[in-house]
């Protein structure tokens, strides 16, 4: 298993390393408010685009939240893995901007 994969699957309760989620929030608390707000705006924009893409041509009765809940239920392990990867990505984006 690579070091990256080990980091993604680390123990959520490990006080020395922490989870990707805990590291994201550690970094976001220490970073400039402007940087964090800008990165969150990028996340919301990405989410808006993904929702638009998923909803396109589905009609007025399409319930995107129900589709997301069902997909999450059916694919929880994959969803959690991607979620951890996104925390790592977003943490990296904030860290890269700390000196700018």
C-alpha atoms as a PDB file:
ATOM      1  CA  UNK A   1       0.000   0.000   0.000  1.00  0.00           C
ATOM      2  CA  UNK A   2       1.410   3.412  -0.903  1.00  0.00           C
ATOM      3  CA  UNK A   3       2.015   6.117   1.673  1.00  0.00           C
ATOM      4  CA  UNK A   4      -0.821   8.151   0.117  1.00  0.00           C
ATOM      5  CA  UNK A   5      -3.270   5.251   0.472  1.00  0.00           C
ATOM      6  CA  UNK A   6      -2.119   4.671   4.037  1.00  0.00           C
ATOM      7  CA  UNK A   7      -2.787   8.327   4.836  1.00  0.00           C
ATOM      8  CA  UNK A   8      -6.287   8.105   3.375  1.00  0.00           C
ATOM      9  CA  UNK A   9      -7.072   5.003   5.409  1.00  0.00           C
ATOM     10  CA  UNK A  10      -5.448   6.129   8.646  1.00  0.00           C
ATOM     11  CA  UNK A  11      -7.205   5.785  11.969  1.00  0.00           C
ATOM     12  CA  UNK A  12      -9.659   8.660  12.392  1.00  0.00           C
ATOM     13  CA  UNK A  13      -8.798   8.814  16.101  1.00  0.00           C
ATOM     14  CA  UNK A  14      -5.007   8.948  15.722  1.00  0.00           C
ATOM     15  CA  UNK A  15      -4.125  12.093  17.703  1.00  0.00           C
ATOM     16  CA  UNK A  16      -0.713  12.456  16.065  1.00  0.00           C
ATOM     17  CA  UNK A  17      -1.789  12.335  12.445  1.00  0.00           C
ATOM     18  CA  UNK A  18      -5.538  12.894  12.302  1.00  0.00           C
ATOM     19  CA  UNK A  19      -7.868  12.272   9.430  1.00  0.00           C
ATOM     20  CA  UNK A  20      -7.876  14.205   6.157  1.00  0.00           C
ATOM     21  CA  UNK A  21     -11.027  15.920   7.449  1.00  0.00           C
ATOM     22  CA  UNK A  22      -9.383  16.993  10.723  1.00  0.00           C
ATOM     23  CA  UNK A  23      -6.279  18.217   8.885  1.00  0.00           C
ATOM     24  CA  UNK A  24      -8.451  20.259   6.503  1.00  0.00           C
ATOM     25  CA  UNK A  25     -10.154  21.996   9.406  1.00  0.00           C
ATOM     26  CA  UNK A  26      -6.827  22.504  11.223  1.00  0.00           C
ATOM     27  CA  UNK A  27      -5.396  24.201   8.141  1.00  0.00           C
ATOM     28  CA  UNK A  28      -8.539  26.208   7.412  1.00  0.00           C
ATOM     29  CA  UNK A  29      -8.599  27.576  10.987  1.00  0.00           C
ATOM     30  CA  UNK A  30      -5.010  28.779  10.650  1.00  0.00           C
ATOM     31  CA  UNK A  31      -5.237  30.207   7.131  1.00  0.00           C
ATOM     32  CA  UNK A  32      -6.370  33.660   6.123  1.00  0.00           C
ATOM     33  CA  UNK A  33     -10.145  34.100   6.161  1.00  0.00           C
ATOM     34  CA  UNK A  34      -9.966  35.493   2.615  1.00  0.00           C
ATOM     35  CA  UNK A  35      -8.132  32.399   1.338  1.00  0.00           C
ATOM     36  CA  UNK A  36     -10.559  30.007   3.026  1.00  0.00           C
ATOM     37  CA  UNK A  37     -13.605  31.947   1.787  1.00  0.00           C
ATOM     38  CA  UNK A  38     -12.223  31.950  -1.754  1.00  0.00           C
ATOM     39  CA  UNK A  39     -11.571  28.196  -1.627  1.00  0.00           C
ATOM     40  CA  UNK A  40     -15.084  27.557  -0.276  1.00  0.00           C
ATOM     41  CA  UNK A  41     -16.495  29.660  -3.120  1.00  0.00           C
ATOM     42  CA  UNK A  42     -14.668  27.384  -5.572  1.00  0.00           C
ATOM     43  CA  UNK A  43     -16.146  24.303  -3.851  1.00  0.00           C
ATOM     44  CA  UNK A  44     -19.675  25.731  -4.010  1.00  0.00           C
ATOM     45  CA  UNK A  45     -19.212  26.645  -7.679  1.00  0.00           C
ATOM     46  CA  UNK A  46     -18.026  23.103  -8.423  1.00  0.00           C
ATOM     47  CA  UNK A  47     -21.040  21.699  -6.576  1.00  0.00           C
ATOM     48  CA  UNK A  48     -23.397  23.988  -8.495  1.00  0.00           C
ATOM     49  CA  UNK A  49     -21.951  22.835 -11.827  1.00  0.00           C
ATOM     50  CA  UNK A  50     -22.182  19.165 -10.828  1.00  0.00           C
ATOM     51  CA  UNK A  51     -25.811  19.598  -9.732  1.00  0.00           C
ATOM     52  CA  UNK A  52     -26.654  21.349 -12.983  1.00  0.00           C
ATOM     53  CA  UNK A  53     -24.985  18.584 -14.999  1.00  0.00           C
ATOM     54  CA  UNK A  54     -26.790  15.850 -13.086  1.00  0.00           C
ATOM     55  CA  UNK A  55     -30.181  17.598 -13.309  1.00  0.00           C
ATOM     56  CA  UNK A  56     -29.939  18.590 -16.969  1.00  0.00           C
ATOM     57  CA  UNK A  57     -32.937  17.345 -18.939  1.00  0.00           C
ATOM     58  CA  UNK A  58     -34.499  15.508 -15.978  1.00  0.00           C
ATOM     59  CA  UNK A  59     -37.664  17.638 -15.603  1.00  0.00           C
ATOM     60  CA  UNK A  60     -39.242  19.496 -12.696  1.00  0.00           C
ATOM     61  CA  UNK A  61     -39.984  16.407 -10.582  1.00  0.00           C
ATOM     62  CA  UNK A  62     -36.328  15.353 -10.437  1.00  0.00           C
ATOM     63  CA  UNK A  63     -35.150  15.263  -6.797  1.00  0.00           C
ATOM     64  CA  UNK A  64     -31.386  15.573  -6.841  1.00  0.00           C
ATOM     65  CA  UNK A  65     -31.126  15.156  -3.074  1.00  0.00           C
ATOM     66  CA  UNK A  66     -32.865  11.781  -3.232  1.00  0.00           C
ATOM     67  CA  UNK A  67     -30.573  10.650  -6.049  1.00  0.00           C
ATOM     68  CA  UNK A  68     -27.543  11.693  -4.004  1.00  0.00           C
ATOM     69  CA  UNK A  69     -28.819   9.923  -0.865  1.00  0.00           C
ATOM     70  CA  UNK A  70     -29.473   6.713  -2.785  1.00  0.00           C
ATOM     71  CA  UNK A  71     -26.100   6.829  -4.544  1.00  0.00           C
ATOM     72  CA  UNK A  72     -24.349   7.406  -1.216  1.00  0.00           C
ATOM     73  CA  UNK A  73     -26.233   4.499   0.354  1.00  0.00           C
ATOM     74  CA  UNK A  74     -25.314   2.202  -2.532  1.00  0.00           C
ATOM     75  CA  UNK A  75     -21.649   3.296  -2.681  1.00  0.00           C
ATOM     76  CA  UNK A  76     -20.736   4.423   0.836  1.00  0.00           C
ATOM     77  CA  UNK A  77     -17.162   3.048   0.836  1.00  0.00           C
ATOM     78  CA  UNK A  78     -16.288   4.642  -2.498  1.00  0.00           C
ATOM     79  CA  UNK A  79     -17.958   7.899  -1.478  1.00  0.00           C
ATOM     80  CA  UNK A  80     -15.950   8.020   1.752  1.00  0.00           C
ATOM     81  CA  UNK A  81     -12.713   7.352  -0.127  1.00  0.00           C
ATOM     82  CA  UNK A  82     -13.399  10.142  -2.619  1.00  0.00           C
ATOM     83  CA  UNK A  83     -14.469  12.433   0.217  1.00  0.00           C
ATOM     84  CA  UNK A  84     -11.139  11.875   1.991  1.00  0.00           C
ATOM     85  CA  UNK A  85      -9.319  12.575  -1.264  1.00  0.00           C
ATOM     86  CA  UNK A  86     -11.220  15.826  -1.688  1.00  0.00           C
ATOM     87  CA  UNK A  87     -10.312  16.897   1.850  1.00  0.00           C
ATOM     88  CA  UNK A  88      -6.659  16.283   0.919  1.00  0.00           C
ATOM     89  CA  UNK A  89      -7.089  18.267  -2.324  1.00  0.00           C
ATOM     90  CA  UNK A  90      -8.796  21.216  -0.636  1.00  0.00           C
ATOM     91  CA  UNK A  91      -6.245  21.246   2.184  1.00  0.00           C
ATOM     92  CA  UNK A  92      -3.486  21.370  -0.409  1.00  0.00           C
ATOM     93  CA  UNK A  93      -5.184  24.252  -2.204  1.00  0.00           C
ATOM     94  CA  UNK A  94      -5.287  26.287   1.012  1.00  0.00           C
ATOM     95  CA  UNK A  95      -1.700  25.413   1.944  1.00  0.00           C
ATOM     96  CA  UNK A  96      -0.447  26.407  -1.511  1.00  0.00           C
ATOM     97  CA  UNK A  97      -1.986  29.839  -1.041  1.00  0.00           C
ATOM     98  CA  UNK A  98      -0.630  30.501   2.476  1.00  0.00           C
ATOM     99  CA  UNK A  99       2.424  32.370   1.208  1.00  0.00           C
ATOM    100  CA  UNK A 100       0.645  34.250  -1.553  1.00  0.00           C
END
